[in-house]
Amino acid sequence: MEQTSKLQTVALNLISKYFGQSTAEVYGQFFSGEPDDVITNSLSEIMVDYVGEEKAKAEISKIMKNLAV
């Protein structure tokens, strides 16, 4: 069983918040085994497309700050 990174967990929570649990599950499979930079880039792309660049940056910045703590 693969271990889920903290980044993957918070990214999936954010995706679930905006796109629903079903979409988060699809991304969970996609993110499985991917490095953090792939997860971050994918999250950024989907969020920018949905909420715009400014809001996406703010949301991603919040989760990154929480990871640093």
PDB file of N, CA and C in Angstrom:
ATOM      1  N   MET A   1       0.842  -1.187   0.000  1.00  0.00           N
ATOM      2  CA  MET A   1       0.000   0.000   0.000  1.00  0.00           C
ATOM      3  C   MET A   1       0.880   1.242   0.000  1.00  0.00           C
ATOM      4  N   GLU A   2       0.594   2.158  -0.921  1.00  0.00           N
ATOM      5  CA  GLU A   2       1.389   3.365  -1.021  1.00  0.00           C
ATOM      6  C   GLU A   2       0.998   4.372   0.043  1.00  0.00           C
ATOM      7  N   GLN A   3       2.001   5.089   0.517  1.00  0.00           N
ATOM      8  CA  GLN A   3       1.757   6.109   1.529  1.00  0.00           C
ATOM      9  C   GLN A   3       1.329   7.404   0.842  1.00  0.00           C
ATOM     10  N   THR A   4       0.342   8.054   1.406  1.00  0.00           N
ATOM     11  CA  THR A   4      -0.141   9.319   0.870  1.00  0.00           C
ATOM     12  C   THR A   4       0.628  10.455   1.534  1.00  0.00           C
ATOM     13  N   SER A   5       1.194  11.348   0.719  1.00  0.00           N
ATOM     14  CA  SER A   5       1.935  12.483   1.268  1.00  0.00           C
ATOM     15  C   SER A   5       0.972  13.498   1.864  1.00  0.00           C
ATOM     16  N   LYS A   6       1.497  14.337   2.744  1.00  0.00           N
ATOM     17  CA  LYS A   6       0.675  15.410   3.319  1.00  0.00           C
ATOM     18  C   LYS A   6       0.176  16.340   2.228  1.00  0.00           C
ATOM     19  N   LEU A   7       1.046  16.636   1.258  1.00  0.00           N
ATOM     20  CA  LEU A   7       0.642  17.508   0.152  1.00  0.00           C
ATOM     21  C   LEU A   7      -0.518  16.877  -0.611  1.00  0.00           C
ATOM     22  N   GLN A   8      -0.415  15.594  -0.890  1.00  0.00           N
ATOM     23  CA  GLN A   8      -1.488  14.911  -1.612  1.00  0.00           C
ATOM     24  C   GLN A   8      -2.794  14.992  -0.832  1.00  0.00           C
ATOM     25  N   THR A   9      -2.731  14.795   0.464  1.00  0.00           N
ATOM     26  CA  THR A   9      -3.929  14.841   1.296  1.00  0.00           C
ATOM     27  C   THR A   9      -4.592  16.211   1.258  1.00  0.00           C
ATOM     28  N   VAL A  10      -3.810  17.269   1.438  1.00  0.00           N
ATOM     29  CA  VAL A  10      -4.407  18.612   1.437  1.00  0.00           C
ATOM     30  C   VAL A  10      -4.863  19.016   0.041  1.00  0.00           C
ATOM     31  N   ALA A  11      -4.148  18.577  -0.989  1.00  0.00           N
ATOM     32  CA  ALA A  11      -4.565  18.868  -2.362  1.00  0.00           C
ATOM     33  C   ALA A  11      -5.913  18.207  -2.653  1.00  0.00           C
ATOM     34  N   LEU A  12      -6.067  16.972  -2.225  1.00  0.00           N
ATOM     35  CA  LEU A  12      -7.330  16.264  -2.451  1.00  0.00           C
ATOM     36  C   LEU A  12      -8.465  16.882  -1.649  1.00  0.00           C
ATOM     37  N   ASN A  13      -8.166  17.375  -0.468  1.00  0.00           N
ATOM     38  CA  ASN A  13      -9.194  18.071   0.318  1.00  0.00           C
ATOM     39  C   ASN A  13      -9.661  19.341  -0.392  1.00  0.00           C
ATOM     40  N   LEU A  14      -8.728  20.071  -0.974  1.00  0.00           N
ATOM     41  CA  LEU A  14      -9.080  21.285  -1.704  1.00  0.00           C
ATOM     42  C   LEU A  14      -9.888  20.946  -2.967  1.00  0.00           C
ATOM     43  N   ILE A  15      -9.477  19.920  -3.678  1.00  0.00           N
ATOM     44  CA  ILE A  15     -10.221  19.489  -4.867  1.00  0.00           C
ATOM     45  C   ILE A  15     -11.628  19.051  -4.473  1.00  0.00           C
ATOM     46  N   SER A  16     -11.734  18.326  -3.380  1.00  0.00           N
ATOM     47  CA  SER A  16     -13.044  17.876  -2.913  1.00  0.00           C
ATOM     48  C   SER A  16     -13.938  19.069  -2.575  1.00  0.00           C
ATOM     49  N   LYS A  17     -13.355  20.082  -1.946  1.00  0.00           N
ATOM     50  CA  LYS A  17     -14.108  21.289  -1.574  1.00  0.00           C
ATOM     51  C   LYS A  17     -14.714  21.974  -2.799  1.00  0.00           C
ATOM     52  N   TYR A  18     -13.942  22.092  -3.870  1.00  0.00           N
ATOM     53  CA  TYR A  18     -14.397  22.819  -5.053  1.00  0.00           C
ATOM     54  C   TYR A  18     -15.077  21.953  -6.105  1.00  0.00           C
ATOM     55  N   PHE A  19     -14.697  20.678  -6.191  1.00  0.00           N
ATOM     56  CA  PHE A  19     -15.162  19.843  -7.297  1.00  0.00           C
ATOM     57  C   PHE A  19     -15.922  18.593  -6.861  1.00  0.00           C
ATOM     58  N   GLY A  20     -15.955  18.331  -5.561  1.00  0.00           N
ATOM     59  CA  GLY A  20     -16.674  17.164  -5.068  1.00  0.00           C
ATOM     60  C   GLY A  20     -15.779  15.958  -4.827  1.00  0.00           C
ATOM     61  N   GLN A  21     -16.309  15.019  -4.058  1.00  0.00           N
ATOM     62  CA  GLN A  21     -15.549  13.845  -3.655  1.00  0.00           C
ATOM     63  C   GLN A  21     -15.206  12.935  -4.834  1.00  0.00           C
ATOM     64  N   SER A  22     -16.105  12.809  -5.781  1.00  0.00           N
ATOM     65  CA  SER A  22     -15.840  11.937  -6.937  1.00  0.00           C
ATOM     66  C   SER A  22     -14.621  12.418  -7.724  1.00  0.00           C
ATOM     67  N   THR A  23     -14.537  13.707  -7.942  1.00  0.00           N
ATOM     68  CA  THR A  23     -13.391  14.268  -8.656  1.00  0.00           C
ATOM     69  C   THR A  23     -12.120  14.101  -7.825  1.00  0.00           C
ATOM     70  N   ALA A  24     -12.219  14.283  -6.524  1.00  0.00           N
ATOM     71  CA  ALA A  24     -11.063  14.101  -5.647  1.00  0.00           C
ATOM     72  C   ALA A  24     -10.558  12.658  -5.717  1.00  0.00           C
ATOM     73  N   GLU A  25     -11.460  11.705  -5.817  1.00  0.00           N
ATOM     74  CA  GLU A  25     -11.057  10.301  -5.913  1.00  0.00           C
ATOM     75  C   GLU A  25     -10.311  10.034  -7.222  1.00  0.00           C
ATOM     76  N   VAL A  26     -10.767  10.642  -8.299  1.00  0.00           N
ATOM     77  CA  VAL A  26     -10.078  10.488  -9.586  1.00  0.00           C
ATOM     78  C   VAL A  26      -8.670  11.076  -9.493  1.00  0.00           C
ATOM     79  N   TYR A  27      -8.574  12.275  -8.922  1.00  0.00           N
ATOM     80  CA  TYR A  27      -7.257  12.891  -8.757  1.00  0.00           C
ATOM     81  C   TYR A  27      -6.391  12.110  -7.775  1.00  0.00           C
ATOM     82  N   GLY A  28      -6.999  11.490  -6.793  1.00  0.00           N
ATOM     83  CA  GLY A  28      -6.244  10.661  -5.854  1.00  0.00           C
ATOM     84  C   GLY A  28      -5.534   9.525  -6.572  1.00  0.00           C
ATOM     85  N   GLN A  29      -6.210   8.922  -7.528  1.00  0.00           N
ATOM     86  CA  GLN A  29      -5.589   7.856  -8.326  1.00  0.00           C
ATOM     87  C   GLN A  29      -4.484   8.428  -9.202  1.00  0.00           C
ATOM     88  N   PHE A  30      -4.722   9.591  -9.783  1.00  0.00           N
ATOM     89  CA  PHE A  30      -3.723  10.236 -10.631  1.00  0.00           C
ATOM     90  C   PHE A  30      -2.481  10.631  -9.821  1.00  0.00           C
ATOM     91  N   PHE A  31      -2.711  11.170  -8.621  1.00  0.00           N
ATOM     92  CA  PHE A  31      -1.608  11.635  -7.782  1.00  0.00           C
ATOM     93  C   PHE A  31      -0.801  10.494  -7.170  1.00  0.00           C
ATOM     94  N   SER A  32      -1.357   9.324  -7.112  1.00  0.00           N
ATOM     95  CA  SER A  32      -0.714   8.188  -6.453  1.00  0.00           C
ATOM     96  C   SER A  32       0.687   7.946  -7.025  1.00  0.00           C
ATOM     97  N   GLY A  33       1.679   8.087  -6.168  1.00  0.00           N
ATOM     98  CA  GLY A  33       3.059   7.850  -6.558  1.00  0.00           C
ATOM     99  C   GLY A  33       3.723   8.995  -7.300  1.00  0.00           C
ATOM    100  N   GLU A  34       2.998  10.077  -7.521  1.00  0.00           N
ATOM    101  CA  GLU A  34       3.573  11.227  -8.238  1.00  0.00           C
ATOM    102  C   GLU A  34       4.370  12.112  -7.268  1.00  0.00           C
ATOM    103  N   PRO A  35       5.431  12.742  -7.760  1.00  0.00           N
ATOM    104  CA  PRO A  35       6.200  13.652  -6.906  1.00  0.00           C
ATOM    105  C   PRO A  35       5.392  14.920  -6.580  1.00  0.00           C
ATOM    106  N   ASP A  36       5.801  15.597  -5.527  1.00  0.00           N
ATOM    107  CA  ASP A  36       5.086  16.790  -5.069  1.00  0.00           C
ATOM    108  C   ASP A  36       4.949  17.867  -6.145  1.00  0.00           C
ATOM    109  N   ASP A  37       5.969  18.036  -6.997  1.00  0.00           N
ATOM    110  CA  ASP A  37       5.872  19.084  -8.010  1.00  0.00           C
ATOM    111  C   ASP A  37       4.778  18.778  -9.039  1.00  0.00           C
ATOM    112  N   VAL A  38       4.545  17.519  -9.352  1.00  0.00           N
ATOM    113  CA  VAL A  38       3.476  17.147 -10.278  1.00  0.00           C
ATOM    114  C   VAL A  38       2.113  17.431  -9.637  1.00  0.00           C
ATOM    115  N   ILE A  39       1.992  17.091  -8.351  1.00  0.00           N
ATOM    116  CA  ILE A  39       0.745  17.342  -7.624  1.00  0.00           C
ATOM    117  C   ILE A  39       0.463  18.842  -7.569  1.00  0.00           C
ATOM    118  N   THR A  40       1.469  19.621  -7.220  1.00  0.00           N
ATOM    119  CA  THR A  40       1.307  21.071  -7.120  1.00  0.00           C
ATOM    120  C   THR A  40       0.936  21.689  -8.468  1.00  0.00           C
ATOM    121  N   ASN A  41       1.602  21.277  -9.529  1.00  0.00           N
ATOM    122  CA  ASN A  41       1.300  21.821 -10.857  1.00  0.00           C
ATOM    123  C   ASN A  41      -0.116  21.450 -11.296  1.00  0.00           C
ATOM    124  N   SER A  42      -0.515  20.218 -11.077  1.00  0.00           N
ATOM    125  CA  SER A  42      -1.864  19.780 -11.460  1.00  0.00           C
ATOM    126  C   SER A  42      -2.924  20.531 -10.673  1.00  0.00           C
ATOM    127  N   LEU A  43      -2.685  20.662  -9.371  1.00  0.00           N
ATOM    128  CA  LEU A  43      -3.624  21.390  -8.523  1.00  0.00           C
ATOM    129  C   LEU A  43      -3.751  22.839  -8.989  1.00  0.00           C
ATOM    130  N   SER A  44      -2.633  23.449  -9.287  1.00  0.00           N
ATOM    131  CA  SER A  44      -2.643  24.830  -9.749  1.00  0.00           C
ATOM    132  C   SER A  44      -3.433  24.966 -11.051  1.00  0.00           C
ATOM    133  N   GLU A  45      -3.210  24.073 -11.982  1.00  0.00           N
ATOM    134  CA  GLU A  45      -3.909  24.138 -13.274  1.00  0.00           C
ATOM    135  C   GLU A  45      -5.418  24.017 -13.115  1.00  0.00           C
ATOM    136  N   ILE A  46      -5.858  23.022 -12.354  1.00  0.00           N
ATOM    137  CA  ILE A  46      -7.301  22.816 -12.209  1.00  0.00           C
ATOM    138  C   ILE A  46      -7.951  23.977 -11.456  1.00  0.00           C
ATOM    139  N   MET A  47      -7.262  24.498 -10.457  1.00  0.00           N
ATOM    140  CA  MET A  47      -7.822  25.602  -9.679  1.00  0.00           C
ATOM    141  C   MET A  47      -7.863  26.888 -10.497  1.00  0.00           C
ATOM    142  N   VAL A  48      -6.821  27.189 -11.262  1.00  0.00           N
ATOM    143  CA  VAL A  48      -6.803  28.398 -12.088  1.00  0.00           C
ATOM    144  C   VAL A  48      -7.932  28.341 -13.113  1.00  0.00           C
ATOM    145  N   ASP A  49      -8.137  27.176 -13.709  1.00  0.00           N
ATOM    146  CA  ASP A  49      -9.212  27.028 -14.694  1.00  0.00           C
ATOM    147  C   ASP A  49     -10.586  27.248 -14.067  1.00  0.00           C
ATOM    148  N   TYR A  50     -10.741  26.872 -12.820  1.00  0.00           N
ATOM    149  CA  TYR A  50     -12.059  26.917 -12.187  1.00  0.00           C
ATOM    150  C   TYR A  50     -12.357  28.236 -11.471  1.00  0.00           C
ATOM    151  N   VAL A  51     -11.397  28.724 -10.688  1.00  0.00           N
ATOM    152  CA  VAL A  51     -11.663  29.915  -9.863  1.00  0.00           C
ATOM    153  C   VAL A  51     -10.860  31.139 -10.271  1.00  0.00           C
ATOM    154  N   GLY A  52      -9.979  31.002 -11.239  1.00  0.00           N
ATOM    155  CA  GLY A  52      -9.142  32.119 -11.661  1.00  0.00           C
ATOM    156  C   GLY A  52      -7.805  32.110 -10.940  1.00  0.00           C
ATOM    157  N   GLU A  53      -6.860  32.791 -11.535  1.00  0.00           N
ATOM    158  CA  GLU A  53      -5.486  32.756 -11.043  1.00  0.00           C
ATOM    159  C   GLU A  53      -5.330  33.325  -9.629  1.00  0.00           C
ATOM    160  N   GLU A  54      -5.941  34.462  -9.371  1.00  0.00           N
ATOM    161  CA  GLU A  54      -5.785  35.122  -8.065  1.00  0.00           C
ATOM    162  C   GLU A  54      -6.326  34.251  -6.927  1.00  0.00           C
ATOM    163  N   LYS A  55      -7.545  33.775  -7.076  1.00  0.00           N
ATOM    164  CA  LYS A  55      -8.167  32.929  -6.037  1.00  0.00           C
ATOM    165  C   LYS A  55      -7.406  31.605  -5.898  1.00  0.00           C
ATOM    166  N   ALA A  56      -6.976  31.036  -7.007  1.00  0.00           N
ATOM    167  CA  ALA A  56      -6.225  29.775  -6.969  1.00  0.00           C
ATOM    168  C   ALA A  56      -4.924  29.953  -6.186  1.00  0.00           C
ATOM    169  N   LYS A  57      -4.211  31.023  -6.477  1.00  0.00           N
ATOM    170  CA  LYS A  57      -2.953  31.283  -5.760  1.00  0.00           C
ATOM    171  C   LYS A  57      -3.203  31.447  -4.265  1.00  0.00           C
ATOM    172  N   ALA A  58      -4.278  32.139  -3.913  1.00  0.00           N
ATOM    173  CA  ALA A  58      -4.596  32.351  -2.501  1.00  0.00           C
ATOM    174  C   ALA A  58      -4.911  31.028  -1.809  1.00  0.00           C
ATOM    175  N   GLU A  59      -5.720  30.199  -2.435  1.00  0.00           N
ATOM    176  CA  GLU A  59      -6.094  28.906  -1.844  1.00  0.00           C
ATOM    177  C   GLU A  59      -4.878  27.988  -1.709  1.00  0.00           C
ATOM    178  N   ILE A  60      -4.062  27.926  -2.749  1.00  0.00           N
ATOM    179  CA  ILE A  60      -2.881  27.060  -2.718  1.00  0.00           C
ATOM    180  C   ILE A  60      -1.870  27.584  -1.711  1.00  0.00           C
ATOM    181  N   SER A  61      -1.742  28.886  -1.628  1.00  0.00           N
ATOM    182  CA  SER A  61      -0.837  29.487  -0.653  1.00  0.00           C
ATOM    183  C   SER A  61      -1.235  29.102   0.773  1.00  0.00           C
ATOM    184  N   LYS A  62      -2.554  29.100   1.050  1.00  0.00           N
ATOM    185  CA  LYS A  62      -3.038  28.713   2.384  1.00  0.00           C
ATOM    186  C   LYS A  62      -2.646  27.287   2.732  1.00  0.00           C
ATOM    187  N   ILE A  63      -2.825  26.374   1.788  1.00  0.00           N
ATOM    188  CA  ILE A  63      -2.513  24.976   2.110  1.00  0.00           C
ATOM    189  C   ILE A  63      -1.005  24.765   2.229  1.00  0.00           C
ATOM    190  N   MET A  64      -0.224  25.504   1.468  1.00  0.00           N
ATOM    191  CA  MET A  64       1.234  25.376   1.561  1.00  0.00           C
ATOM    192  C   MET A  64       1.734  25.906   2.904  1.00  0.00           C
ATOM    193  N   LYS A  65       1.124  26.986   3.392  1.00  0.00           N
ATOM    194  CA  LYS A  65       1.504  27.508   4.706  1.00  0.00           C
ATOM    195  C   LYS A  65       1.200  26.495   5.787  1.00  0.00           C
ATOM    196  N   ASN A  66       0.052  25.814   5.676  1.00  0.00           N
ATOM    197  CA  ASN A  66      -0.314  24.795   6.663  1.00  0.00           C
ATOM    198  C   ASN A  66       0.646  23.618   6.628  1.00  0.00           C
ATOM    199  N   LEU A  67       1.194  23.294   5.469  1.00  0.00           N
ATOM    200  CA  LEU A  67       2.150  22.201   5.357  1.00  0.00           C
ATOM    201  C   LEU A  67       3.483  22.568   6.016  1.00  0.00           C
ATOM    202  N   ALA A  68       3.821  23.836   5.958  1.00  0.00           N
ATOM    203  CA  ALA A  68       5.106  24.289   6.500  1.00  0.00           C
ATOM    204  C   ALA A  68       5.116  24.286   8.030  1.00  0.00           C
ATOM    205  N   VAL A  69       3.942  24.283   8.638  1.00  0.00           N
ATOM    206  CA  VAL A  69       3.852  24.345  10.100  1.00  0.00           C
ATOM    207  C   VAL A  69       4.200  23.027  10.715  1.00  0.00           C
TER     208      VAL A  69
END
